[in-house]
Amino acid sequence: MGILSWIIVGLIAGWLAGQVMRGGGYGLIGDIVLGIVGGLVGGYLAGALFGVPDAVNGINVVSIVVAFVGAILLIAVSRMFFHPRSA
């Protein structure tokens, strides 16, 4: 998958994850980075858990969904460690 495809999938997945997880937001660049890293995490998990090789492989619905799930997981983990709740 080319770098342009990663950026487009990352932008879509990061924006969707930002909308679903509601919060302070990460901005355009942050959403792209979050989506790209989410694609890596989601692709790894899809391969490890479900045996799906090359789950993020272009600009298609499956790639966007996998990157979206990975981005959701990243947001949840980052909020758990970097945004502790006050008592």
PDB file of N, CA and C in Angstrom:
ATOM      1  N   MET A   1       0.859  -1.167   0.000  1.00  0.00           N
ATOM      2  CA  MET A   1       0.000   0.000   0.000  1.00  0.00           C
ATOM      3  C   MET A   1       0.902   1.226   0.000  1.00  0.00           C
ATOM      4  N   GLY A   2       0.621   2.181  -0.852  1.00  0.00           N
ATOM      5  CA  GLY A   2       1.437   3.370  -0.964  1.00  0.00           C
ATOM      6  C   GLY A   2       1.211   4.344   0.184  1.00  0.00           C
ATOM      7  N   ILE A   3       2.140   5.272   0.290  1.00  0.00           N
ATOM      8  CA  ILE A   3       2.059   6.259   1.384  1.00  0.00           C
ATOM      9  C   ILE A   3       0.794   7.105   1.277  1.00  0.00           C
ATOM     10  N   LEU A   4       0.369   7.419   0.065  1.00  0.00           N
ATOM     11  CA  LEU A   4      -0.856   8.206  -0.105  1.00  0.00           C
ATOM     12  C   LEU A   4      -2.070   7.424   0.394  1.00  0.00           C
ATOM     13  N   SER A   5      -2.094   6.126   0.138  1.00  0.00           N
ATOM     14  CA  SER A   5      -3.195   5.289   0.633  1.00  0.00           C
ATOM     15  C   SER A   5      -3.214   5.257   2.152  1.00  0.00           C
ATOM     16  N   TRP A   6      -2.016   5.130   2.772  1.00  0.00           N
ATOM     17  CA  TRP A   6      -1.940   5.130   4.240  1.00  0.00           C
ATOM     18  C   TRP A   6      -2.476   6.440   4.803  1.00  0.00           C
ATOM     19  N   ILE A   7      -2.120   7.556   4.156  1.00  0.00           N
ATOM     20  CA  ILE A   7      -2.569   8.859   4.647  1.00  0.00           C
ATOM     21  C   ILE A   7      -4.085   8.989   4.522  1.00  0.00           C
ATOM     22  N   ILE A   8      -4.638   8.558   3.398  1.00  0.00           N
ATOM     23  CA  ILE A   8      -6.086   8.677   3.198  1.00  0.00           C
ATOM     24  C   ILE A   8      -6.842   7.783   4.179  1.00  0.00           C
ATOM     25  N   VAL A   9      -6.421   6.527   4.301  1.00  0.00           N
ATOM     26  CA  VAL A   9      -7.069   5.614   5.252  1.00  0.00           C
ATOM     27  C   VAL A   9      -6.891   6.132   6.676  1.00  0.00           C
ATOM     28  N   GLY A  10      -5.688   6.632   6.999  1.00  0.00           N
ATOM     29  CA  GLY A  10      -5.432   7.181   8.331  1.00  0.00           C
ATOM     30  C   GLY A  10      -6.299   8.381   8.642  1.00  0.00           C
ATOM     31  N   LEU A  11      -6.477   9.254   7.658  1.00  0.00           N
ATOM     32  CA  LEU A  11      -7.318  10.436   7.857  1.00  0.00           C
ATOM     33  C   LEU A  11      -8.762  10.035   8.148  1.00  0.00           C
ATOM     34  N   ILE A  12      -9.284   9.129   7.350  1.00  0.00           N
ATOM     35  CA  ILE A  12     -10.676   8.698   7.531  1.00  0.00           C
ATOM     36  C   ILE A  12     -10.855   7.986   8.871  1.00  0.00           C
ATOM     37  N   ALA A  13      -9.972   7.022   9.157  1.00  0.00           N
ATOM     38  CA  ALA A  13     -10.096   6.244  10.396  1.00  0.00           C
ATOM     39  C   ALA A  13      -9.873   7.122  11.618  1.00  0.00           C
ATOM     40  N   GLY A  14      -8.884   8.006  11.568  1.00  0.00           N
ATOM     41  CA  GLY A  14      -8.618   8.895  12.700  1.00  0.00           C
ATOM     42  C   GLY A  14      -9.760   9.859  12.957  1.00  0.00           C
ATOM     43  N   TRP A  15     -10.338  10.399  11.889  1.00  0.00           N
ATOM     44  CA  TRP A  15     -11.465  11.309  12.053  1.00  0.00           C
ATOM     45  C   TRP A  15     -12.667  10.582  12.644  1.00  0.00           C
ATOM     46  N   LEU A  16     -12.960   9.381  12.121  1.00  0.00           N
ATOM     47  CA  LEU A  16     -14.080   8.604  12.658  1.00  0.00           C
ATOM     48  C   LEU A  16     -13.866   8.263  14.129  1.00  0.00           C
ATOM     49  N   ALA A  17     -12.652   7.847  14.474  1.00  0.00           N
ATOM     50  CA  ALA A  17     -12.361   7.501  15.870  1.00  0.00           C
ATOM     51  C   ALA A  17     -12.499   8.721  16.767  1.00  0.00           C
ATOM     52  N   GLY A  18     -12.051   9.871  16.290  1.00  0.00           N
ATOM     53  CA  GLY A  18     -12.192  11.103  17.066  1.00  0.00           C
ATOM     54  C   GLY A  18     -13.652  11.475  17.298  1.00  0.00           C
ATOM     55  N   GLN A  19     -14.503  11.222  16.293  1.00  0.00           N
ATOM     56  CA  GLN A  19     -15.922  11.518  16.434  1.00  0.00           C
ATOM     57  C   GLN A  19     -16.593  10.569  17.417  1.00  0.00           C
ATOM     58  N   VAL A  20     -16.214   9.307  17.375  1.00  0.00           N
ATOM     59  CA  VAL A  20     -16.844   8.302  18.238  1.00  0.00           C
ATOM     60  C   VAL A  20     -16.380   8.458  19.687  1.00  0.00           C
ATOM     61  N   MET A  21     -15.088   8.709  19.875  1.00  0.00           N
ATOM     62  CA  MET A  21     -14.535   8.757  21.229  1.00  0.00           C
ATOM     63  C   MET A  21     -14.701  10.115  21.910  1.00  0.00           C
ATOM     64  N   ARG A  22     -15.152  11.093  21.230  1.00  0.00           N
ATOM     65  CA  ARG A  22     -15.405  12.440  21.783  1.00  0.00           C
ATOM     66  C   ARG A  22     -14.380  12.841  22.834  1.00  0.00           C
ATOM     67  N   GLY A  23     -13.886  13.996  22.714  1.00  0.00           N
ATOM     68  CA  GLY A  23     -12.901  14.467  23.680  1.00  0.00           C
ATOM     69  C   GLY A  23     -12.304  15.761  23.186  1.00  0.00           C
ATOM     70  N   GLY A  24     -11.107  16.049  23.638  1.00  0.00           N
ATOM     71  CA  GLY A  24     -10.428  17.276  23.273  1.00  0.00           C
ATOM     72  C   GLY A  24     -10.058  17.354  21.812  1.00  0.00           C
ATOM     73  N   GLY A  25      -9.948  16.229  21.130  1.00  0.00           N
ATOM     74  CA  GLY A  25      -9.573  16.213  19.735  1.00  0.00           C
ATOM     75  C   GLY A  25      -8.072  16.300  19.561  1.00  0.00           C
ATOM     76  N   TYR A  26      -7.598  15.872  18.421  1.00  0.00           N
ATOM     77  CA  TYR A  26      -6.167  15.837  18.155  1.00  0.00           C
ATOM     78  C   TYR A  26      -5.779  16.694  16.965  1.00  0.00           C
ATOM     79  N   GLY A  27      -6.723  17.319  16.291  1.00  0.00           N
ATOM     80  CA  GLY A  27      -6.434  18.137  15.123  1.00  0.00           C
ATOM     81  C   GLY A  27      -6.248  17.260  13.891  1.00  0.00           C
ATOM     82  N   LEU A  28      -6.088  17.884  12.744  1.00  0.00           N
ATOM     83  CA  LEU A  28      -5.996  17.165  11.482  1.00  0.00           C
ATOM     84  C   LEU A  28      -4.780  16.243  11.443  1.00  0.00           C
ATOM     85  N   ILE A  29      -3.607  16.764  11.757  1.00  0.00           N
ATOM     86  CA  ILE A  29      -2.387  15.960  11.725  1.00  0.00           C
ATOM     87  C   ILE A  29      -2.450  14.851  12.772  1.00  0.00           C
ATOM     88  N   GLY A  30      -2.933  15.175  13.956  1.00  0.00           N
ATOM     89  CA  GLY A  30      -3.070  14.161  15.010  1.00  0.00           C
ATOM     90  C   GLY A  30      -4.013  13.046  14.601  1.00  0.00           C
ATOM     91  N   ASP A  31      -5.132  13.400  13.937  1.00  0.00           N
ATOM     92  CA  ASP A  31      -6.070  12.384  13.469  1.00  0.00           C
ATOM     93  C   ASP A  31      -5.435  11.486  12.414  1.00  0.00           C
ATOM     94  N   ILE A  32      -4.659  12.069  11.513  1.00  0.00           N
ATOM     95  CA  ILE A  32      -3.998  11.272  10.480  1.00  0.00           C
ATOM     96  C   ILE A  32      -3.011  10.303  11.122  1.00  0.00           C
ATOM     97  N   VAL A  33      -2.176  10.824  12.027  1.00  0.00           N
ATOM     98  CA  VAL A  33      -1.192   9.967  12.697  1.00  0.00           C
ATOM     99  C   VAL A  33      -1.895   8.884  13.503  1.00  0.00           C
ATOM    100  N   LEU A  34      -2.940   9.267  14.217  1.00  0.00           N
ATOM    101  CA  LEU A  34      -3.702   8.306  15.009  1.00  0.00           C
ATOM    102  C   LEU A  34      -4.296   7.218  14.125  1.00  0.00           C
ATOM    103  N   GLY A  35      -4.831   7.598  12.978  1.00  0.00           N
ATOM    104  CA  GLY A  35      -5.404   6.618  12.054  1.00  0.00           C
ATOM    105  C   GLY A  35      -4.360   5.704  11.455  1.00  0.00           C
ATOM    106  N   ILE A  36      -3.182   6.250  11.102  1.00  0.00           N
ATOM    107  CA  ILE A  36      -2.123   5.423  10.529  1.00  0.00           C
ATOM    108  C   ILE A  36      -1.604   4.426  11.561  1.00  0.00           C
ATOM    109  N   VAL A  37      -1.330   4.907  12.761  1.00  0.00           N
ATOM    110  CA  VAL A  37      -0.865   4.006  13.822  1.00  0.00           C
ATOM    111  C   VAL A  37      -1.977   3.023  14.187  1.00  0.00           C
ATOM    112  N   GLY A  38      -3.215   3.498  14.175  1.00  0.00           N
ATOM    113  CA  GLY A  38      -4.354   2.606  14.417  1.00  0.00           C
ATOM    114  C   GLY A  38      -4.451   1.516  13.362  1.00  0.00           C
ATOM    115  N   GLY A  39      -4.113   1.852  12.123  1.00  0.00           N
ATOM    116  CA  GLY A  39      -4.085   0.850  11.065  1.00  0.00           C
ATOM    117  C   GLY A  39      -3.035  -0.219  11.323  1.00  0.00           C
ATOM    118  N   LEU A  40      -1.883   0.213  11.817  1.00  0.00           N
ATOM    119  CA  LEU A  40      -0.834  -0.753  12.156  1.00  0.00           C
ATOM    120  C   LEU A  40      -1.271  -1.655  13.307  1.00  0.00           C
ATOM    121  N   VAL A  41      -1.829  -1.035  14.349  1.00  0.00           N
ATOM    122  CA  VAL A  41      -2.285  -1.811  15.509  1.00  0.00           C
ATOM    123  C   VAL A  41      -3.441  -2.731  15.111  1.00  0.00           C
ATOM    124  N   GLY A  42      -4.411  -2.180  14.409  1.00  0.00           N
ATOM    125  CA  GLY A  42      -5.556  -2.985  13.979  1.00  0.00           C
ATOM    126  C   GLY A  42      -5.159  -4.107  13.038  1.00  0.00           C
ATOM    127  N   GLY A  43      -4.240  -3.836  12.121  1.00  0.00           N
ATOM    128  CA  GLY A  43      -3.763  -4.866  11.205  1.00  0.00           C
ATOM    129  C   GLY A  43      -3.039  -5.975  11.939  1.00  0.00           C
ATOM    130  N   TYR A  44      -2.217  -5.598  12.921  1.00  0.00           N
ATOM    131  CA  TYR A  44      -1.518  -6.608  13.722  1.00  0.00           C
ATOM    132  C   TYR A  44      -2.518  -7.461  14.500  1.00  0.00           C
ATOM    133  N   LEU A  45      -3.489  -6.817  15.149  1.00  0.00           N
ATOM    134  CA  LEU A  45      -4.476  -7.562  15.935  1.00  0.00           C
ATOM    135  C   LEU A  45      -5.348  -8.454  15.056  1.00  0.00           C
ATOM    136  N   ALA A  46      -5.716  -7.963  13.865  1.00  0.00           N
ATOM    137  CA  ALA A  46      -6.527  -8.784  12.955  1.00  0.00           C
ATOM    138  C   ALA A  46      -5.755 -10.018  12.527  1.00  0.00           C
ATOM    139  N   GLY A  47      -4.457  -9.863  12.297  1.00  0.00           N
ATOM    140  CA  GLY A  47      -3.639 -11.015  11.929  1.00  0.00           C
ATOM    141  C   GLY A  47      -3.428 -11.963  13.091  1.00  0.00           C
ATOM    142  N   ALA A  48      -3.176 -11.415  14.281  1.00  0.00           N
ATOM    143  CA  ALA A  48      -2.887 -12.252  15.450  1.00  0.00           C
ATOM    144  C   ALA A  48      -4.132 -12.959  15.984  1.00  0.00           C
ATOM    145  N   LEU A  49      -5.257 -12.252  16.036  1.00  0.00           N
ATOM    146  CA  LEU A  49      -6.455 -12.825  16.631  1.00  0.00           C
ATOM    147  C   LEU A  49      -7.314 -13.621  15.653  1.00  0.00           C
ATOM    148  N   PHE A  50      -7.412 -13.131  14.414  1.00  0.00           N
ATOM    149  CA  PHE A  50      -8.331 -13.746  13.454  1.00  0.00           C
ATOM    150  C   PHE A  50      -7.642 -14.411  12.279  1.00  0.00           C
ATOM    151  N   GLY A  51      -6.325 -14.328  12.218  1.00  0.00           N
ATOM    152  CA  GLY A  51      -5.591 -14.958  11.129  1.00  0.00           C
ATOM    153  C   GLY A  51      -5.794 -14.304   9.778  1.00  0.00           C
ATOM    154  N   VAL A  52      -6.118 -13.012   9.773  1.00  0.00           N
ATOM    155  CA  VAL A  52      -6.334 -12.278   8.530  1.00  0.00           C
ATOM    156  C   VAL A  52      -5.002 -11.678   8.093  1.00  0.00           C
ATOM    157  N   PRO A  53      -4.399 -12.215   7.040  1.00  0.00           N
ATOM    158  CA  PRO A  53      -3.132 -11.630   6.591  1.00  0.00           C
ATOM    159  C   PRO A  53      -3.386 -10.352   5.807  1.00  0.00           C
ATOM    160  N   ASP A  54      -2.567  -9.346   6.036  1.00  0.00           N
ATOM    161  CA  ASP A  54      -2.635  -8.088   5.283  1.00  0.00           C
ATOM    162  C   ASP A  54      -4.030  -7.462   5.349  1.00  0.00           C
ATOM    163  N   ALA A  55      -4.526  -7.215   6.555  1.00  0.00           N
ATOM    164  CA  ALA A  55      -5.883  -6.697   6.750  1.00  0.00           C
ATOM    165  C   ALA A  55      -6.037  -5.269   6.235  1.00  0.00           C
ATOM    166  N   VAL A  56      -4.982  -4.470   6.289  1.00  0.00           N
ATOM    167  CA  VAL A  56      -5.026  -3.106   5.772  1.00  0.00           C
ATOM    168  C   VAL A  56      -4.221  -3.116   4.482  1.00  0.00           C
ATOM    169  N   ASN A  57      -4.935  -3.156   3.352  1.00  0.00           N
ATOM    170  CA  ASN A  57      -4.257  -3.362   2.082  1.00  0.00           C
ATOM    171  C   ASN A  57      -4.704  -2.428   0.964  1.00  0.00           C
ATOM    172  N   GLY A  58      -5.189  -1.288   1.279  1.00  0.00           N
ATOM    173  CA  GLY A  58      -5.607  -0.330   0.263  1.00  0.00           C
ATOM    174  C   GLY A  58      -6.725   0.544   0.787  1.00  0.00           C
ATOM    175  N   ILE A  59      -7.276   1.340  -0.091  1.00  0.00           N
ATOM    176  CA  ILE A  59      -8.390   2.206   0.303  1.00  0.00           C
ATOM    177  C   ILE A  59      -9.677   1.434   0.047  1.00  0.00           C
ATOM    178  N   ASN A  60     -10.144   0.742   1.083  1.00  0.00           N
ATOM    179  CA  ASN A  60     -11.384  -0.001   1.002  1.00  0.00           C
ATOM    180  C   ASN A  60     -12.028  -0.030   2.386  1.00  0.00           C
ATOM    181  N   VAL A  61     -13.232  -0.531   2.448  1.00  0.00           N
ATOM    182  CA  VAL A  61     -13.998  -0.504   3.696  1.00  0.00           C
ATOM    183  C   VAL A  61     -13.325  -1.337   4.785  1.00  0.00           C
ATOM    184  N   VAL A  62     -12.807  -2.505   4.431  1.00  0.00           N
ATOM    185  CA  VAL A  62     -12.181  -3.367   5.433  1.00  0.00           C
ATOM    186  C   VAL A  62     -10.965  -2.673   6.043  1.00  0.00           C
ATOM    187  N   SER A  63     -10.143  -2.049   5.225  1.00  0.00           N
ATOM    188  CA  SER A  63      -8.965  -1.344   5.733  1.00  0.00           C
ATOM    189  C   SER A  63      -9.356  -0.207   6.662  1.00  0.00           C
ATOM    190  N   ILE A  64     -10.382   0.535   6.292  1.00  0.00           N
ATOM    191  CA  ILE A  64     -10.824   1.658   7.115  1.00  0.00           C
ATOM    192  C   ILE A  64     -11.382   1.150   8.444  1.00  0.00           C
ATOM    193  N   VAL A  65     -12.145   0.062   8.421  1.00  0.00           N
ATOM    194  CA  VAL A  65     -12.711  -0.488   9.654  1.00  0.00           C
ATOM    195  C   VAL A  65     -11.606  -0.998  10.566  1.00  0.00           C
ATOM    196  N   VAL A  66     -10.619  -1.695  10.013  1.00  0.00           N
ATOM    197  CA  VAL A  66      -9.518  -2.215  10.821  1.00  0.00           C
ATOM    198  C   VAL A  66      -8.721  -1.061  11.429  1.00  0.00           C
ATOM    199  N   ALA A  67      -8.417  -0.037  10.633  1.00  0.00           N
ATOM    200  CA  ALA A  67      -7.692   1.121  11.148  1.00  0.00           C
ATOM    201  C   ALA A  67      -8.524   1.876  12.183  1.00  0.00           C
ATOM    202  N   PHE A  68      -9.823   1.959  11.973  1.00  0.00           N
ATOM    203  CA  PHE A  68     -10.732   2.618  12.908  1.00  0.00           C
ATOM    204  C   PHE A  68     -10.724   1.908  14.259  1.00  0.00           C
ATOM    205  N   VAL A  69     -10.822   0.589  14.247  1.00  0.00           N
ATOM    206  CA  VAL A  69     -10.807  -0.178  15.504  1.00  0.00           C
ATOM    207  C   VAL A  69      -9.469   0.011  16.215  1.00  0.00           C
ATOM    208  N   GLY A  70      -8.380  -0.016  15.455  1.00  0.00           N
ATOM    209  CA  GLY A  70      -7.066   0.215  16.053  1.00  0.00           C
ATOM    210  C   GLY A  70      -6.947   1.606  16.649  1.00  0.00           C
ATOM    211  N   ALA A  71      -7.495   2.613  15.963  1.00  0.00           N
ATOM    212  CA  ALA A  71      -7.451   3.985  16.472  1.00  0.00           C
ATOM    213  C   ALA A  71      -8.291   4.133  17.737  1.00  0.00           C
ATOM    214  N   ILE A  72      -9.440   3.474  17.784  1.00  0.00           N
ATOM    215  CA  ILE A  72     -10.284   3.487  18.983  1.00  0.00           C
ATOM    216  C   ILE A  72      -9.503   2.906  20.168  1.00  0.00           C
ATOM    217  N   LEU A  73      -8.828   1.783  19.928  1.00  0.00           N
ATOM    218  CA  LEU A  73      -8.029   1.168  20.993  1.00  0.00           C
ATOM    219  C   LEU A  73      -6.914   2.101  21.456  1.00  0.00           C
ATOM    220  N   LEU A  74      -6.260   2.774  20.519  1.00  0.00           N
ATOM    221  CA  LEU A  74      -5.194   3.703  20.887  1.00  0.00           C
ATOM    222  C   LEU A  74      -5.716   4.866  21.725  1.00  0.00           C
ATOM    223  N   ILE A  75      -6.854   5.415  21.343  1.00  0.00           N
ATOM    224  CA  ILE A  75      -7.438   6.522  22.109  1.00  0.00           C
ATOM    225  C   ILE A  75      -7.798   6.044  23.514  1.00  0.00           C
ATOM    226  N   ALA A  76      -8.414   4.877  23.608  1.00  0.00           N
ATOM    227  CA  ALA A  76      -8.814   4.356  24.920  1.00  0.00           C
ATOM    228  C   ALA A  76      -7.601   4.129  25.819  1.00  0.00           C
ATOM    229  N   VAL A  77      -6.543   3.541  25.269  1.00  0.00           N
ATOM    230  CA  VAL A  77      -5.345   3.279  26.065  1.00  0.00           C
ATOM    231  C   VAL A  77      -4.662   4.584  26.458  1.00  0.00           C
ATOM    232  N   SER A  78      -4.580   5.536  25.519  1.00  0.00           N
ATOM    233  CA  SER A  78      -3.926   6.812  25.850  1.00  0.00           C
ATOM    234  C   SER A  78      -4.709   7.578  26.908  1.00  0.00           C
ATOM    235  N   ARG A  79      -6.020   7.515  26.852  1.00  0.00           N
ATOM    236  CA  ARG A  79      -6.821   8.194  27.879  1.00  0.00           C
ATOM    237  C   ARG A  79      -6.690   7.502  29.225  1.00  0.00           C
ATOM    238  N   MET A  80      -6.500   6.207  29.205  1.00  0.00           N
ATOM    239  CA  MET A  80      -6.361   5.476  30.451  1.00  0.00           C
ATOM    240  C   MET A  80      -5.052   5.856  31.166  1.00  0.00           C
ATOM    241  N   PHE A  81      -3.986   6.076  30.404  1.00  0.00           N
ATOM    242  CA  PHE A  81      -2.684   6.354  31.001  1.00  0.00           C
ATOM    243  C   PHE A  81      -2.379   7.845  31.140  1.00  0.00           C
ATOM    244  N   PHE A  82      -2.873   8.673  30.208  1.00  0.00           N
ATOM    245  CA  PHE A  82      -2.472  10.082  30.208  1.00  0.00           C
ATOM    246  C   PHE A  82      -3.538  11.049  30.675  1.00  0.00           C
ATOM    247  N   HIS A  83      -4.743  10.571  30.914  1.00  0.00           N
ATOM    248  CA  HIS A  83      -5.812  11.436  31.408  1.00  0.00           C
ATOM    249  C   HIS A  83      -6.474  10.797  32.619  1.00  0.00           C
ATOM    250  N   PRO A  84      -5.763  10.728  33.724  1.00  0.00           N
ATOM    251  CA  PRO A  84      -6.377  10.116  34.916  1.00  0.00           C
ATOM    252  C   PRO A  84      -7.557  10.933  35.404  1.00  0.00           C
ATOM    253  N   ARG A  85      -8.566  10.256  35.841  1.00  0.00           N
ATOM    254  CA  ARG A  85      -9.757  10.934  36.345  1.00  0.00           C
ATOM    255  C   ARG A  85      -9.537  11.422  37.771  1.00  0.00           C
ATOM    256  N   SER A  86     -10.070  12.568  38.068  1.00  0.00           N
ATOM    257  CA  SER A  86      -9.974  13.115  39.410  1.00  0.00           C
ATOM    258  C   SER A  86     -11.069  12.523  40.277  1.00  0.00           C
ATOM    259  N   ALA A  87     -10.781  12.332  41.541  1.00  0.00           N
ATOM    260  CA  ALA A  87     -11.775  11.750  42.442  1.00  0.00           C
ATOM    261  C   ALA A  87     -12.702  12.808  42.980  1.00  0.00           C
TER     262      ALA A  87
END
